[in-house]
Amino acid sequence: MLYMSIALGGLFLAVAWLFARQGQSQKQQRNALKQLKTELSQLKKDQHLALQGSYGMGQRMLKLEKRLRQMQEDHDKEPPLEQPFSYTQATQMIAEGADEQAIAATCGISHSEAHLMRKLCAKNWEESPV
C-alpha cells in the first residue's frame, strides 16, 4: 500500500506538472496570438493608408493628364506667333542707311543686335561688291 501511495503521489505530481506546463504553454500561445492579432491590425491599417495614398495619387495624375491634354489642344488651336521683329526688315533698313537706334526701335531688337547686324552687313557688302 505504501508503494501504491507513493506511486499515486508521483502520478499526482506528474499530472500537476503537466497541467502547469500546459497552462504555461497556453498562456504563451495566448500572448503570441494576441501579438499576432495586434500586428495584423497594424498591417491592415498600413495597407489601408497605402491604398488611400495610391488612389489619391492616381486621381491627381488623371487630373494632370486631362489638364495637359487641354493645354495641348488650346496650344494647337492658337495661330503661330510671329516674331515681333524681322531680321530681314533690319537688313533692309541697314541697306537704306538707317541708324542703329531706329533699327532697334522699328524691328524690336536690341541696340547690340542692330550694331552687330550693321557690322555683318558691312562685311558682306565688302566681300561681294555689287
Protein backbone atom coordinates (compact mmCIF):
# COMPACT_ATOMS: atom_id res chain seq x y z
CA MET A 1 0.00 0.00 0.00
CA LEU A 2 2.86 2.32 0.70
CA TYR A 3 4.16 1.75 -2.76
CA MET A 4 0.74 2.44 -4.13
CA SER A 5 0.52 5.69 -2.16
CA ILE A 6 3.96 6.71 -3.37
CA ALA A 7 3.03 5.78 -6.94
CA LEU A 8 -0.24 7.73 -6.71
CA GLY A 9 1.61 10.69 -5.20
CA GLY A 10 4.17 10.56 -8.01
CA LEU A 11 1.41 10.24 -10.57
CA PHE A 12 -0.37 13.18 -8.99
CA LEU A 13 2.81 15.29 -9.13
CA ALA A 14 3.41 14.33 -12.77
CA VAL A 15 -0.17 15.25 -13.73
CA ALA A 16 0.09 18.51 -11.77
CA TRP A 17 3.37 19.30 -13.52
CA LEU A 18 1.83 18.55 -16.95
CA PHE A 19 -1.17 20.77 -16.21
CA ALA A 20 1.10 23.56 -15.01
CA ARG A 21 3.25 23.22 -18.10
CA GLN A 22 0.21 23.11 -20.35
CA GLY A 23 -1.16 26.20 -18.60
CA GLN A 24 2.11 27.99 -19.23
CA SER A 25 2.13 26.87 -22.82
CA GLN A 26 -1.45 28.04 -23.32
CA LYS A 27 -0.58 31.38 -21.75
CA GLN A 28 2.37 31.75 -24.12
CA GLN A 29 0.15 30.78 -27.03
CA ARG A 30 -2.48 33.33 -25.98
CA ASN A 31 0.20 36.02 -25.70
CA ALA A 32 1.61 35.07 -29.11
CA LEU A 33 -1.89 35.08 -30.62
CA LYS A 34 -2.60 38.49 -29.09
CA GLN A 35 0.68 39.80 -30.52
CA LEU A 36 -0.15 38.43 -33.97
CA LYS A 37 -3.62 39.98 -33.88
CA THR A 38 -2.09 43.34 -32.98
CA GLU A 39 0.43 43.09 -35.82
CA LEU A 40 -2.30 42.05 -38.27
CA SER A 41 -4.43 45.01 -37.23
CA GLN A 42 -1.49 47.39 -37.75
CA LEU A 43 -0.73 45.86 -41.16
CA LYS A 44 -4.36 46.32 -42.21
CA LYS A 45 -4.19 49.98 -41.17
CA ASP A 46 -0.94 50.45 -43.09
CA GLN A 47 -2.39 48.76 -46.16
CA HIS A 48 -5.49 50.96 -45.97
CA LEU A 49 -3.34 54.11 -45.79
CA ALA A 50 -1.19 52.95 -48.70
CA LEU A 51 -4.26 52.24 -50.81
CA GLN A 52 -5.75 55.62 -50.00
CA GLY A 53 -2.47 57.32 -50.97
CA SER A 54 -2.28 55.35 -54.22
CA TYR A 55 -5.87 56.20 -55.06
CA GLY A 56 -5.29 59.88 -54.32
CA MET A 57 -2.12 59.92 -56.41
CA GLY A 58 -3.93 58.21 -59.27
CA GLN A 59 -6.68 60.84 -59.15
CA ARG A 60 -4.10 63.63 -59.22
CA MET A 61 -2.35 62.04 -62.20
CA LEU A 62 -5.65 61.76 -64.09
CA LYS A 63 -6.39 65.44 -63.43
CA LEU A 64 -2.89 66.44 -64.57
CA GLU A 65 -3.18 64.36 -67.75
CA LYS A 66 -6.55 65.95 -68.51
CA ARG A 67 -5.11 69.41 -67.90
CA LEU A 68 -2.10 68.66 -70.11
CA ARG A 69 -4.36 67.38 -72.89
CA GLN A 70 -6.48 70.53 -72.63
CA MET A 71 -3.40 72.76 -72.75
CA GLN A 72 -2.09 70.89 -75.81
CA GLU A 73 -5.44 71.30 -77.56
CA ASP A 74 -5.54 75.00 -76.68
CA HIS A 75 -1.97 75.41 -77.94
CA ASP A 76 -2.79 73.62 -81.20
CA LYS A 77 -5.78 75.95 -81.76
CA GLU A 78 -3.71 79.13 -81.37
CA PRO A 79 -2.16 80.57 -84.52
CA PRO A 80 1.62 80.54 -84.51
CA LEU A 81 3.08 83.68 -83.06
CA GLU A 82 5.02 85.83 -85.42
CA GLN A 83 8.18 87.30 -84.09
CA PRO A 84 7.81 90.98 -83.26
CA PHE A 85 10.88 91.83 -85.26
CA SER A 86 12.31 90.84 -88.56
CA TYR A 87 15.98 90.46 -89.31
CA THR A 88 15.12 90.82 -92.98
CA GLN A 89 13.50 94.18 -92.24
CA ALA A 90 16.53 95.18 -90.18
CA THR A 91 18.84 94.23 -93.04
CA GLN A 92 16.74 96.29 -95.45
CA MET A 93 16.84 99.29 -93.10
CA ILE A 94 20.63 98.96 -92.79
CA ALA A 95 20.90 98.94 -96.59
CA GLU A 96 18.80 102.11 -96.67
CA GLY A 97 21.20 103.73 -94.19
CA ALA A 98 19.04 103.80 -91.05
CA ASP A 99 20.85 104.28 -87.76
CA GLU A 100 21.04 101.58 -85.07
CA GLN A 101 18.56 103.30 -82.76
CA ALA A 102 15.87 103.45 -85.46
CA ILE A 103 16.52 99.82 -86.46
CA ALA A 104 16.23 98.63 -82.83
CA ALA A 105 13.01 100.57 -82.26
CA THR A 106 11.35 99.54 -85.52
CA CYS A 107 12.37 95.87 -85.58
CA GLY A 108 12.13 95.16 -81.86
CA ILE A 109 15.76 94.18 -81.47
CA SER A 110 18.36 95.46 -79.04
CA HIS A 111 20.89 98.14 -79.91
CA SER A 112 23.61 95.49 -79.66
CA GLU A 113 21.83 93.31 -82.22
CA ALA A 114 21.36 96.27 -84.54
CA HIS A 115 25.05 97.16 -84.18
CA LEU A 116 26.12 93.57 -84.86
CA MET A 117 23.84 93.32 -87.90
CA ARG A 118 25.25 96.58 -89.26
CA LYS A 119 28.80 95.18 -88.93
CA LEU A 120 27.82 91.87 -90.56
CA CYS A 121 26.07 93.59 -93.43
CA ALA A 122 29.04 95.89 -93.95
CA LYS A 123 31.39 92.90 -94.03
CA ASN A 124 29.15 91.04 -96.51
CA TRP A 125 28.97 94.11 -98.79
CA GLU A 126 32.76 94.41 -98.75
CA GLU A 127 33.19 90.75 -99.70
CA SER A 128 30.64 90.75 -102.51
CA PRO A 129 30.67 94.11 -104.33
CA VAL A 130 27.58 94.92 -106.34
